[in-house]
Amino acid sequence: TLECFLTGAKNVFQLGFVPVKEDLVVLLARDVEVHNSEYDWDMSKWAPLVQEKQFVQWLVKKPTEQEASRSRQCTVGQINRLEELWRANPNATIDDTLAGDGDVLDDEPAIVQLQYEDAYQYQNIMSPLVKLEADYDKQMREQQTQEGVAVRWDMGLNKRRLAYFVFAQPESDMRLVTGDELMLRYSGDETHEPWESAGTVVRLTANEEVGLELKSGAAPTDVTHGFSVDVVWKSVAYDRMQMALRTFAVDETSVSGYIYHRLLGHEVEQ
C-alpha cells in the first residue's frame, strides 16, 4: 500500500517522494510538515508520484510496444465495477465486468427521485438501496476476522464464562459496541479438540480490550493463545427497513397522510 510515511495518507495524487539514499526514497504527502531535527531530508527534492498523468517509471514500469499492443480499452464504468469486485474477489479480472454477450454488466440501482408517484415507486427504488447497504455492511464485518488472538479468561457474576482479548480495528469504519455478537474459535492442537462459541460483547475497555460473554459454558480455559475472532453479522436492522418499506407500500394507513406525502416529496400545506 502506498501511503505517507508520517501521516498515513493514501491519496496517490497527493503523495510524492524524497530521495533518502542513492537507492532509497521515502513517501510523503504534499503538504506534510517535516521537522529537520527529526529527519535529515532535503524537501526541495520532493517530487509527485504521478507525473504527466502516469506513475513515475521506477514505481510502475512503462509497458513495451508488444505489451501495449495486447492492451484492451476499458470504460470508467468497467474500472469502477472491477474495483467493487476486487473487494469480494481480489482475483477478479476485467472479463468479470462483462455479460455473456460482451456488454458491460449494469446492476446500478435506480436513481433516487425528488418526488415519487406513489408508495410502490418509493419502495421499488429504496428497497434495492437498503439491500446494497446490507450487503456492504455484511462484507465489511466478515472481513474483520482476526487470527492469532491472545485470550484472558474470567468468570462473570452470572456464572457465565468471559473471554477478554484485544480486537484492534485501526483501518476500519466499523466499531464494536456493547451487544455485538462475535465468534471465538480455536483450531485445536494435540491435546485439544477444535472449539468455537458465539458470544456477546459486554465490555469495551479504553485499551481496546473486548469482554465477550460466551454462550457455551465449556471452553479451553487452559489455552490463552492462537484463537480466532469473527464478527457475526445480523440482518435485523435491514430486515426491519425492508418490512417498513413493504408496509408503507401496501398500507396507506401505516403513516399519517402528512408524513405519507412528505416522504413522497409532494407539496403539503403546513
Protein backbone atom coordinates (compact mmCIF):
# COMPACT_ATOMS: atom_id res chain seq x y z
CA THR A 1 0.00 0.00 0.00
CA LEU A 2 1.28 3.44 -0.94
CA GLU A 3 0.96 5.84 1.98
CA CYS A 4 2.65 8.84 3.54
CA PHE A 5 5.42 7.81 5.95
CA LEU A 6 4.33 10.42 8.52
CA THR A 7 0.56 10.81 8.18
CA GLY A 8 -0.58 7.57 6.55
CA ALA A 9 -2.40 9.48 3.77
CA LYS A 10 -3.15 7.19 0.80
CA ASN A 11 -4.33 9.58 -1.92
CA VAL A 12 -1.75 8.90 -4.64
CA PHE A 13 -2.38 12.29 -6.23
CA GLN A 14 -1.20 13.95 -3.01
CA LEU A 15 1.77 11.63 -2.49
CA GLY A 16 5.33 12.28 -3.52
CA PHE A 17 8.79 11.04 -2.70
CA VAL A 18 12.06 12.39 -1.36
CA PRO A 19 15.38 10.61 -2.01
CA VAL A 20 16.99 9.48 1.24
CA LYS A 21 19.86 7.44 -0.16
CA GLU A 22 21.04 6.50 -3.62
CA ASP A 23 18.56 3.62 -3.89
CA LEU A 24 16.04 4.60 -1.19
CA VAL A 25 13.15 7.06 -1.13
CA VAL A 26 10.52 7.97 1.46
CA LEU A 27 6.89 8.67 0.54
CA LEU A 28 5.43 11.91 1.88
CA ALA A 29 2.17 13.77 1.36
CA ARG A 30 2.37 17.09 -0.45
CA ASP A 31 1.80 19.46 2.48
CA VAL A 32 3.17 17.38 5.34
CA GLU A 33 5.37 19.21 7.85
CA VAL A 34 8.80 17.66 8.38
CA HIS A 35 10.95 18.71 11.32
CA ASN A 36 14.61 18.82 10.35
CA SER A 37 15.56 17.94 13.91
CA GLU A 38 13.97 14.51 13.47
CA TYR A 39 14.59 13.73 9.80
CA ASP A 40 17.51 14.85 7.67
CA TRP A 41 15.61 15.00 4.37
CA ASP A 42 16.05 17.57 1.60
CA MET A 43 12.42 18.57 0.99
CA SER A 44 13.46 20.66 -2.02
CA LYS A 45 13.85 17.34 -3.87
CA TRP A 46 10.23 16.31 -3.22
CA ALA A 47 8.53 15.12 -6.43
CA PRO A 48 5.00 13.77 -7.04
CA LEU A 49 4.38 10.08 -7.71
CA VAL A 50 2.04 10.93 -10.60
CA GLN A 51 3.68 12.90 -13.39
CA GLU A 52 2.29 13.53 -16.86
CA LYS A 53 -0.86 11.55 -15.94
CA GLN A 54 1.13 8.42 -15.06
CA PHE A 55 3.12 6.96 -12.18
CA VAL A 56 6.85 7.56 -12.18
CA GLN A 57 8.79 4.91 -14.09
CA TRP A 58 10.57 3.41 -11.08
CA LEU A 59 7.22 2.66 -9.45
CA VAL A 60 5.20 1.38 -12.43
CA LYS A 61 7.20 0.19 -15.42
CA LYS A 62 6.05 1.53 -18.77
CA PRO A 63 4.75 -1.31 -20.97
CA THR A 64 6.69 -2.34 -24.04
CA GLU A 65 5.21 -1.90 -27.51
CA GLN A 66 4.37 -5.60 -27.59
CA GLU A 67 2.58 -5.37 -24.23
CA ALA A 68 0.77 -2.20 -25.31
CA SER A 69 -0.44 -3.93 -28.48
CA ARG A 70 -2.21 -6.52 -26.32
CA SER A 71 -3.89 -3.90 -24.12
CA ARG A 72 -7.67 -3.58 -24.02
CA GLN A 73 -9.77 -0.46 -23.93
CA CYS A 74 -11.99 -0.21 -20.87
CA THR A 75 -14.54 2.34 -19.77
CA VAL A 76 -14.75 4.23 -16.49
CA GLY A 77 -17.78 2.09 -15.65
CA GLN A 78 -15.75 -1.10 -16.09
CA ILE A 79 -12.97 0.29 -13.90
CA ASN A 80 -15.43 1.20 -11.14
CA ARG A 81 -17.13 -2.18 -11.44
CA LEU A 82 -13.79 -4.03 -11.27
CA GLU A 83 -12.78 -2.11 -8.14
CA GLU A 84 -16.05 -3.16 -6.50
CA LEU A 85 -15.45 -6.80 -7.48
CA TRP A 86 -11.95 -6.71 -6.01
CA ARG A 87 -13.42 -6.05 -2.54
CA ALA A 88 -15.02 -9.50 -2.55
CA ASN A 89 -12.72 -11.27 -5.01
CA PRO A 90 -9.15 -9.95 -5.32
CA ASN A 91 -8.61 -12.27 -8.32
CA ALA A 92 -11.41 -10.73 -10.42
CA THR A 93 -10.46 -9.63 -13.95
CA ILE A 94 -11.86 -7.20 -16.47
CA ASP A 95 -13.77 -10.11 -18.06
CA ASP A 96 -15.83 -10.41 -14.89
CA THR A 97 -17.31 -6.98 -15.61
CA LEU A 98 -18.83 -8.21 -18.89
CA ALA A 99 -22.03 -10.12 -19.51
CA GLY A 100 -22.15 -13.17 -21.78
CA ASP A 101 -22.82 -11.05 -24.84
CA GLY A 102 -19.85 -8.79 -24.15
CA ASP A 103 -21.87 -5.87 -22.78
CA VAL A 104 -20.83 -4.24 -19.52
CA LEU A 105 -22.77 -5.57 -16.57
CA ASP A 106 -25.08 -2.82 -15.37
CA ASP A 107 -26.58 -3.53 -11.99
CA GLU A 108 -26.73 0.07 -10.84
CA PRO A 109 -29.84 0.82 -8.78
CA ALA A 110 -32.48 3.24 -9.96
CA ILE A 111 -31.79 6.92 -9.30
CA VAL A 112 -33.41 8.40 -6.20
CA GLN A 113 -36.19 10.84 -7.12
CA LEU A 114 -37.14 14.18 -5.65
CA GLN A 115 -40.79 13.20 -5.98
CA TYR A 116 -42.47 9.81 -6.23
CA GLU A 117 -45.77 8.94 -7.86
CA ASP A 118 -46.83 6.60 -5.05
CA ALA A 119 -45.55 4.39 -2.27
CA TYR A 120 -44.93 1.49 -4.68
CA GLN A 121 -42.42 3.52 -6.69
CA TYR A 122 -40.80 4.67 -3.44
CA GLN A 123 -40.38 1.06 -2.30
CA ASN A 124 -39.09 -0.14 -5.69
CA ILE A 125 -36.30 2.46 -5.58
CA MET A 126 -35.43 2.38 -1.89
CA SER A 127 -35.55 -1.39 -1.33
CA PRO A 128 -32.56 -2.21 -3.61
CA LEU A 129 -30.56 0.55 -1.90
CA VAL A 130 -31.23 -0.98 1.52
CA LYS A 131 -30.12 -4.38 0.17
CA LEU A 132 -26.90 -2.87 -1.21
CA GLU A 133 -26.19 -1.27 2.16
CA ALA A 134 -26.88 -4.58 3.93
CA ASP A 135 -24.59 -6.50 1.56
CA TYR A 136 -21.81 -3.95 2.05
CA ASP A 137 -22.19 -3.98 5.83
CA LYS A 138 -22.10 -7.79 5.86
CA GLN A 139 -19.00 -7.86 3.67
CA MET A 140 -17.19 -5.31 5.83
CA ARG A 141 -17.97 -7.20 9.03
CA GLU A 142 -16.91 -10.56 7.61
CA GLN A 143 -13.56 -9.03 6.68
CA GLN A 144 -12.86 -8.15 10.32
CA THR A 145 -11.70 -11.68 11.20
CA GLN A 146 -8.52 -11.66 13.29
CA GLU A 147 -6.15 -14.57 13.79
CA GLY A 148 -3.61 -15.35 16.49
CA VAL A 149 -5.60 -13.65 19.26
CA ALA A 150 -4.49 -13.98 22.89
CA VAL A 151 -7.33 -14.57 25.37
CA ARG A 152 -7.63 -13.89 29.10
CA TRP A 153 -10.32 -15.97 30.82
CA ASP A 154 -12.63 -14.91 33.63
CA MET A 155 -15.99 -15.76 35.17
CA GLY A 156 -18.86 -13.28 35.37
CA LEU A 157 -21.11 -12.66 38.35
CA ASN A 158 -23.85 -14.56 36.49
CA LYS A 159 -21.51 -17.59 36.29
CA ARG A 160 -21.09 -17.11 32.53
CA ARG A 161 -17.63 -17.62 31.03
CA LEU A 162 -15.93 -14.38 29.94
CA ALA A 163 -13.13 -14.04 27.41
CA TYR A 164 -11.04 -10.87 27.22
CA PHE A 165 -8.90 -10.08 24.18
CA VAL A 166 -7.66 -7.15 22.10
CA PHE A 167 -9.64 -6.59 18.91
CA ALA A 168 -7.94 -3.67 17.15
CA GLN A 169 -9.65 -2.03 14.15
CA PRO A 170 -7.30 0.78 13.06
CA GLU A 171 -8.32 0.97 9.37
CA SER A 172 -12.00 0.11 9.60
CA ASP A 173 -15.06 2.34 9.77
CA MET A 174 -16.79 -0.37 11.78
CA ARG A 175 -16.56 -0.14 15.56
CA LEU A 176 -17.68 -2.73 18.05
CA VAL A 177 -20.37 -1.72 20.53
CA THR A 178 -21.86 -3.46 23.53
CA GLY A 179 -24.34 -6.06 22.37
CA ASP A 180 -22.49 -7.04 19.18
CA GLU A 181 -22.01 -10.75 18.61
CA LEU A 182 -18.62 -12.34 17.97
CA MET A 183 -17.49 -15.90 17.28
CA LEU A 184 -14.42 -17.08 19.21
CA ARG A 185 -12.66 -20.08 17.64
CA TYR A 186 -9.75 -22.38 18.43
CA SER A 187 -8.49 -24.69 15.70
CA GLY A 188 -7.29 -27.32 18.17
CA ASP A 189 -3.94 -28.95 18.86
CA GLU A 190 -2.50 -32.27 20.04
CA THR A 191 -4.36 -32.12 23.33
CA HIS A 192 -7.44 -30.03 22.46
CA GLU A 193 -10.29 -30.60 20.04
CA PRO A 194 -11.36 -27.76 17.72
CA TRP A 195 -13.69 -25.44 19.60
CA GLU A 196 -15.87 -22.43 18.89
CA SER A 197 -18.51 -20.43 20.68
CA ALA A 198 -20.60 -17.39 19.91
CA GLY A 199 -20.69 -14.62 22.48
CA THR A 200 -21.99 -11.15 23.20
CA VAL A 201 -19.80 -8.11 23.77
CA VAL A 202 -20.47 -6.97 27.33
CA ARG A 203 -17.48 -4.72 27.96
CA LEU A 204 -15.14 -2.44 26.00
CA THR A 205 -12.07 -1.08 27.76
CA ALA A 206 -10.00 2.00 26.95
CA ASN A 207 -7.06 -0.12 25.77
CA GLU A 208 -9.20 -1.77 23.03
CA GLU A 209 -9.77 -4.91 25.09
CA VAL A 210 -13.11 -6.62 24.46
CA GLY A 211 -15.05 -8.54 27.10
CA LEU A 212 -17.04 -11.35 25.46
CA GLU A 213 -19.69 -13.32 27.38
CA LEU A 214 -19.73 -16.80 25.84
CA LYS A 215 -22.94 -18.70 25.16
CA SER A 216 -21.13 -22.02 25.59
CA GLY A 217 -20.04 -22.93 29.10
CA ALA A 218 -17.30 -25.36 28.06
CA ALA A 219 -14.17 -23.53 26.92
CA PRO A 220 -10.45 -24.41 26.67
CA THR A 221 -9.53 -22.12 29.55
CA ASP A 222 -6.06 -23.65 29.85
CA VAL A 223 -5.23 -22.23 26.41
CA THR A 224 -4.53 -18.50 26.06
CA HIS A 225 -3.04 -18.10 22.57
CA GLY A 226 -3.87 -18.97 18.98
CA PHE A 227 -7.57 -18.03 18.91
CA SER A 228 -9.51 -16.53 16.00
CA VAL A 229 -12.30 -13.97 16.25
CA ASP A 230 -15.09 -13.47 13.69
CA VAL A 231 -17.66 -10.70 13.67
CA VAL A 232 -21.17 -12.15 13.41
CA TRP A 233 -23.36 -10.11 11.07
CA LYS A 234 -27.01 -9.63 11.95
CA SER A 235 -29.60 -8.55 9.41
CA VAL A 236 -32.22 -7.43 11.95
CA ALA A 237 -31.91 -3.68 11.26
CA TYR A 238 -32.08 -4.12 7.49
CA ASP A 239 -34.95 -6.63 7.73
CA ARG A 240 -36.90 -4.01 9.65
CA MET A 241 -36.18 -1.41 6.98
CA GLN A 242 -37.45 -3.73 4.25
CA MET A 243 -40.54 -4.57 6.28
CA ALA A 244 -41.25 -0.88 6.82
CA LEU A 245 -40.93 -0.22 3.07
CA ARG A 246 -43.33 -3.07 2.24
CA THR A 247 -45.83 -1.91 4.84
CA PHE A 248 -45.60 1.66 3.56
CA ALA A 249 -46.30 0.44 0.00
CA VAL A 250 -49.35 -1.73 0.75
CA ASP A 251 -50.94 0.01 3.74
CA GLU A 252 -51.89 3.65 3.28
CA THR A 253 -52.83 3.89 6.95
CA SER A 254 -49.36 2.86 8.16
CA VAL A 255 -48.44 6.57 8.46
CA SER A 256 -50.41 9.78 8.59
CA GLY A 257 -51.40 11.49 5.36
CA TYR A 258 -48.98 14.32 6.07
CA ILE A 259 -45.98 12.00 6.54
CA TYR A 260 -47.06 9.91 3.52
CA HIS A 261 -46.94 12.87 1.14
CA ARG A 262 -43.81 14.36 2.72
CA LEU A 263 -41.93 11.07 2.17
CA LEU A 264 -43.01 11.05 -1.45
CA GLY A 265 -41.84 14.64 -1.93
CA HIS A 266 -45.31 16.06 -2.53
CA GLU A 267 -46.24 19.62 -1.70
CA VAL A 268 -48.09 19.68 1.60
CA GLU A 269 -49.75 22.61 3.26
CA GLN A 270 -48.15 23.41 6.60
